[in-house]
Amino acid sequence: MTDKPFQLVVRFSDSMFGVGDVAALHNAIVTAHDAVWFGKLGQTLSQGRVDLLNQQIAKKTPTFLYLVKGNRRKSTAYRADLLAVTREKPGEAALIPSYYAEKDLLQYMKAWMKLGRIESIEMSEMDRLKALNSVFPISETLVRSSSGYFLVHESSAIF
């Protein structure tokens, strides 16, 4: 496949459940506890991809979660250190923002990513990333696909 490390791109929405600024809510937990769990609705990550990312993290390979908010033509991007990935609800309740329970969302989360601080980035910072099995930069893939997540890597072979 590639010798470049894999990264994860996940779409999210601030407006879906009326919780407010999702990044800020998660960062408040990071400020208090140095990490936070971010839950993903809908389609889950395959166990193989979860294992791949966790093995990479265990080897101390810099691994990031890129979060993309907004519609397909006008998006906002964020990046956070990816510290762990699981398909099970994490046992660290203090690291899960309260809105997940308040809005009864815990049961709908199909994957969880443990993160460091979520930082805003320019979409152009993702131009060097491409989804597996794609020749297009992830920014183009995000427009073309409705998938909620993408496993990506850096590539110089982007059209």
Protein backbone atom coordinates (compact mmCIF):
# COMPACT_ATOMS: atom_id res chain seq x y z
CA MET A 1 0.00 0.00 0.00
CA THR A 2 2.27 2.80 1.25
CA ASP A 3 5.15 3.35 3.62
CA LYS A 4 3.66 6.66 4.74
CA PRO A 5 1.72 6.68 8.01
CA PHE A 6 -2.04 6.54 7.87
CA GLN A 7 -4.23 9.31 9.19
CA LEU A 8 -7.99 9.45 9.75
CA VAL A 9 -10.43 12.01 8.34
CA VAL A 10 -13.91 12.21 9.92
CA ARG A 11 -16.86 14.43 9.00
CA PHE A 12 -18.87 15.98 11.84
CA SER A 13 -21.57 18.58 12.44
CA ASP A 14 -22.04 21.27 15.06
CA SER A 15 -25.69 21.72 14.15
CA MET A 16 -27.07 18.17 14.09
CA PHE A 17 -27.93 17.94 17.80
CA GLY A 18 -27.75 21.59 18.85
CA VAL A 19 -24.78 21.05 21.16
CA GLY A 20 -22.86 24.14 20.10
CA ASP A 21 -19.17 24.29 19.27
CA VAL A 22 -18.13 20.63 19.19
CA ALA A 23 -14.39 21.39 19.01
CA ALA A 24 -14.57 23.76 22.00
CA LEU A 25 -16.59 21.26 24.06
CA HIS A 26 -14.00 18.57 23.41
CA ASN A 27 -11.09 20.95 24.04
CA ALA A 28 -12.53 21.84 27.46
CA ILE A 29 -12.05 18.18 28.43
CA VAL A 30 -8.51 18.20 26.98
CA THR A 31 -7.70 21.27 29.11
CA ALA A 32 -8.85 19.45 32.25
CA HIS A 33 -7.58 15.93 31.48
CA ASP A 34 -5.01 16.14 28.61
CA ALA A 35 -7.22 13.99 26.33
CA VAL A 36 -10.81 13.55 25.18
CA TRP A 37 -12.90 10.88 23.44
CA PHE A 38 -14.62 11.91 20.20
CA GLY A 39 -17.52 9.68 19.14
CA LYS A 40 -18.47 8.96 15.54
CA LEU A 41 -22.05 8.31 14.46
CA GLY A 42 -23.12 6.10 11.60
CA GLN A 43 -20.78 3.86 9.68
CA THR A 44 -18.08 2.31 11.84
CA LEU A 45 -14.42 1.75 11.16
CA SER A 46 -13.45 -1.81 10.33
CA GLN A 47 -11.60 -3.62 13.11
CA GLY A 48 -8.65 -3.95 10.73
CA ARG A 49 -8.39 -0.18 10.40
CA VAL A 50 -8.80 0.31 14.14
CA ASP A 51 -5.95 -2.18 14.71
CA LEU A 52 -3.78 -0.56 12.02
CA LEU A 53 -4.14 2.91 13.57
CA ASN A 54 -3.59 1.64 17.14
CA GLN A 55 -0.45 -0.28 16.08
CA GLN A 56 0.87 2.84 14.41
CA ILE A 57 0.14 4.89 17.56
CA ALA A 58 1.83 2.24 19.75
CA LYS A 59 4.99 2.62 17.63
CA LYS A 60 4.93 6.38 18.43
CA THR A 61 4.30 7.21 14.76
CA PRO A 62 2.68 10.67 14.59
CA THR A 63 -0.97 9.93 13.85
CA PHE A 64 -3.69 12.53 13.43
CA LEU A 65 -7.45 12.80 13.27
CA TYR A 66 -8.58 15.41 10.76
CA LEU A 67 -12.11 16.63 11.46
CA VAL A 68 -14.10 18.25 8.67
CA LYS A 69 -17.21 20.30 9.41
CA GLY A 70 -19.59 21.88 6.93
CA ASN A 71 -21.08 21.15 3.57
CA ARG A 72 -19.21 19.65 0.67
CA ARG A 73 -18.27 22.96 -0.95
CA LYS A 74 -17.58 25.06 2.17
CA SER A 75 -15.82 23.12 4.90
CA THR A 76 -13.85 23.90 8.04
CA ALA A 77 -10.97 21.63 9.05
CA TYR A 78 -9.36 20.70 12.35
CA ARG A 79 -6.52 18.41 13.38
CA ALA A 80 -5.78 16.60 16.63
CA ASP A 81 -3.22 14.05 17.76
CA LEU A 82 -4.87 10.63 17.58
CA LEU A 83 -4.06 8.74 20.79
CA ALA A 84 -6.27 5.64 20.46
CA VAL A 85 -9.19 4.25 18.45
CA THR A 86 -11.88 1.81 19.57
CA ARG A 87 -15.26 0.54 18.42
CA GLU A 88 -16.41 0.13 22.03
CA LYS A 89 -17.62 2.83 24.41
CA PRO A 90 -14.55 3.96 26.36
CA GLY A 91 -14.44 3.31 30.10
CA GLU A 92 -13.02 6.78 30.80
CA ALA A 93 -16.31 8.62 31.38
CA ALA A 94 -14.51 11.79 32.54
CA LEU A 95 -12.99 12.09 29.05
CA ILE A 96 -16.36 12.04 27.25
CA PRO A 97 -18.11 15.43 26.90
CA SER A 98 -21.41 15.46 28.81
CA TYR A 99 -23.53 16.22 25.75
CA TYR A 100 -23.16 12.63 24.51
CA ALA A 101 -25.17 11.42 27.55
CA GLU A 102 -27.43 14.50 27.78
CA LYS A 103 -28.54 14.08 24.16
CA ASP A 104 -28.74 10.27 24.51
CA LEU A 105 -26.08 9.80 21.82
CA LEU A 106 -23.80 7.23 23.47
CA GLN A 107 -25.74 4.28 22.04
CA TYR A 108 -25.35 5.60 18.48
CA MET A 109 -21.58 6.05 18.50
CA LYS A 110 -19.97 3.41 16.29
CA ALA A 111 -16.34 4.41 16.84
CA TRP A 112 -14.40 6.44 19.38
CA MET A 113 -11.17 8.35 18.86
CA LYS A 114 -9.07 9.49 21.83
CA LEU A 115 -7.59 12.88 21.01
CA GLY A 116 -5.30 15.61 22.18
CA ARG A 117 -6.20 19.27 21.59
CA ILE A 118 -8.28 19.97 18.48
CA GLU A 119 -6.70 22.77 16.44
CA SER A 120 -8.27 24.67 13.55
CA ILE A 121 -6.35 24.32 10.27
CA GLU A 122 -6.77 25.58 6.74
CA MET A 123 -8.38 23.09 4.34
CA SER A 124 -5.31 23.54 2.14
CA GLU A 125 -3.22 21.78 4.82
CA MET A 126 -5.05 18.61 3.82
CA ASP A 127 -4.15 18.92 0.11
CA ARG A 128 -1.26 16.46 0.44
CA LEU A 129 -3.59 13.79 1.84
CA LYS A 130 -5.45 11.28 -0.28
CA ALA A 131 -7.86 8.52 0.61
CA LEU A 132 -6.75 4.97 0.03
CA ASN A 133 -7.60 3.82 -3.49
CA SER A 134 -8.05 7.39 -4.73
CA VAL A 135 -5.88 9.57 -6.94
CA PHE A 136 -7.62 12.75 -5.80
CA PRO A 137 -6.70 14.93 -2.80
CA ILE A 138 -8.97 14.38 0.18
CA SER A 139 -10.59 17.80 -0.38
CA GLU A 140 -11.88 16.51 -3.75
CA THR A 141 -12.85 13.13 -2.32
CA LEU A 142 -14.90 14.89 0.38
CA VAL A 143 -16.90 16.61 -2.38
CA ARG A 144 -17.39 13.40 -4.38
CA SER A 145 -18.25 11.05 -1.52
CA SER A 146 -20.82 11.02 1.26
CA SER A 147 -18.75 8.68 3.45
CA GLY A 148 -18.33 9.77 7.05
CA TYR A 149 -14.71 8.76 7.38
CA PHE A 150 -11.62 8.17 5.26
CA LEU A 151 -8.32 6.47 5.95
CA VAL A 152 -5.73 8.68 4.25
CA HIS A 153 -1.99 9.02 3.76
CA GLU A 154 0.37 11.63 2.37
CA SER A 155 0.98 11.26 -1.33
CA SER A 156 2.88 13.10 -4.02
CA ALA A 157 0.84 11.28 -6.69
CA ILE A 158 -2.23 13.49 -6.48
CA PHE A 159 -4.01 14.88 -9.51
